[in-house]
Amino acid sequence: MVKTHEENPTPLLAQDFEILFRTRFKPLVIYALRFVKDLETAKGLVQDVFITLWEKRSDLGGSRSEAAAYLTTSVRNRCLNH
């Protein structure tokens, strides 16, 4: 049986993760500040989401756009649950 992309996604590569971190960390912290109103809390929540992304990178597709969407949604949810 042939596995589809959805069943066997290409994991996010370290270089793609680094690019995402460099380009998305600050905007995500600013986004998180809309919800939590504290800079250190916002940074911590965003950092936790990046850690989770790295740990679950094999479950997501290898594209940065998919990972960026995951980050935005996860930051919002993490803030709302904080």
Protein backbone atom coordinates (compact mmCIF):
# COMPACT_ATOMS: atom_id res chain seq x y z
CA MET A 1 0.00 0.00 0.00
CA VAL A 2 1.33 3.42 -0.97
CA LYS A 3 1.34 6.03 1.76
CA THR A 4 0.01 9.45 0.91
CA HIS A 5 1.59 12.73 1.96
CA GLU A 6 -0.99 13.01 4.74
CA GLU A 7 -0.07 9.60 6.16
CA ASN A 8 3.69 10.10 5.89
CA PRO A 9 4.52 13.83 5.84
CA THR A 10 8.04 15.09 5.33
CA PRO A 11 9.19 16.46 8.68
CA LEU A 12 10.05 20.13 9.08
CA LEU A 13 13.79 20.53 8.53
CA ALA A 14 16.04 22.26 11.06
CA GLN A 15 16.90 25.03 8.59
CA ASP A 16 13.21 25.70 7.93
CA PHE A 17 12.53 25.76 11.66
CA GLU A 18 15.33 28.29 12.15
CA ILE A 19 13.93 30.51 9.40
CA LEU A 20 10.48 30.31 10.96
CA PHE A 21 11.87 31.21 14.37
CA ARG A 22 13.85 34.17 13.04
CA THR A 23 10.99 35.55 10.99
CA ARG A 24 7.94 34.68 13.10
CA PHE A 25 8.99 34.93 16.77
CA LYS A 26 8.66 38.71 17.13
CA PRO A 27 5.37 38.99 15.16
CA LEU A 28 3.93 36.14 17.21
CA VAL A 29 4.97 37.81 20.47
CA ILE A 30 3.21 40.99 19.32
CA TYR A 31 0.16 38.90 18.42
CA ALA A 32 0.24 37.18 21.83
CA LEU A 33 0.39 40.57 23.56
CA ARG A 34 -3.13 41.26 22.27
CA PHE A 35 -4.31 38.49 24.59
CA VAL A 36 -2.00 38.40 27.60
CA LYS A 37 -0.85 42.05 27.97
CA ASP A 38 2.52 41.05 29.50
CA LEU A 39 5.68 40.89 27.38
CA GLU A 40 7.47 38.14 29.34
CA THR A 41 4.34 35.99 29.42
CA ALA A 42 3.85 36.51 25.68
CA LYS A 43 7.46 35.54 24.95
CA GLY A 44 7.17 32.45 27.12
CA LEU A 45 3.96 31.30 25.46
CA VAL A 46 5.40 31.79 21.98
CA GLN A 47 8.58 29.96 22.97
CA ASP A 48 6.49 27.06 24.29
CA VAL A 49 4.64 26.87 20.97
CA PHE A 50 7.93 26.75 19.05
CA ILE A 51 9.14 23.94 21.31
CA THR A 52 5.94 22.03 20.67
CA LEU A 53 6.32 22.61 16.93
CA TRP A 54 9.84 21.19 17.04
CA GLU A 55 8.70 18.16 19.03
CA LYS A 56 5.80 17.50 16.63
CA ARG A 57 7.63 18.42 13.41
CA SER A 58 7.29 14.89 12.02
CA ASP A 59 3.50 15.09 12.37
CA LEU A 60 3.25 18.25 10.29
CA GLY A 61 3.97 18.64 6.62
CA GLY A 62 7.38 19.96 5.68
CA SER A 63 6.20 23.30 4.33
CA ARG A 64 6.93 26.51 6.18
CA SER A 65 3.47 27.85 5.30
CA GLU A 66 1.80 24.91 7.08
CA ALA A 67 4.07 25.41 10.08
CA ALA A 68 3.40 29.18 10.12
CA ALA A 69 -0.35 28.55 10.18
CA TYR A 70 0.14 26.04 12.98
CA LEU A 71 2.18 28.60 14.95
CA THR A 72 -0.40 31.35 14.66
CA THR A 73 -3.29 29.10 15.66
CA SER A 74 -1.32 27.53 18.49
CA VAL A 75 -0.22 30.90 19.91
CA ARG A 76 -3.81 32.12 19.92
CA ASN A 77 -5.05 28.95 21.61
CA ARG A 78 -2.21 28.95 24.14
CA CYS A 79 -2.97 32.57 25.03
CA LEU A 80 -6.70 31.91 25.38
CA ASN A 81 -5.99 28.95 27.66
CA HIS A 82 -3.48 30.89 29.77
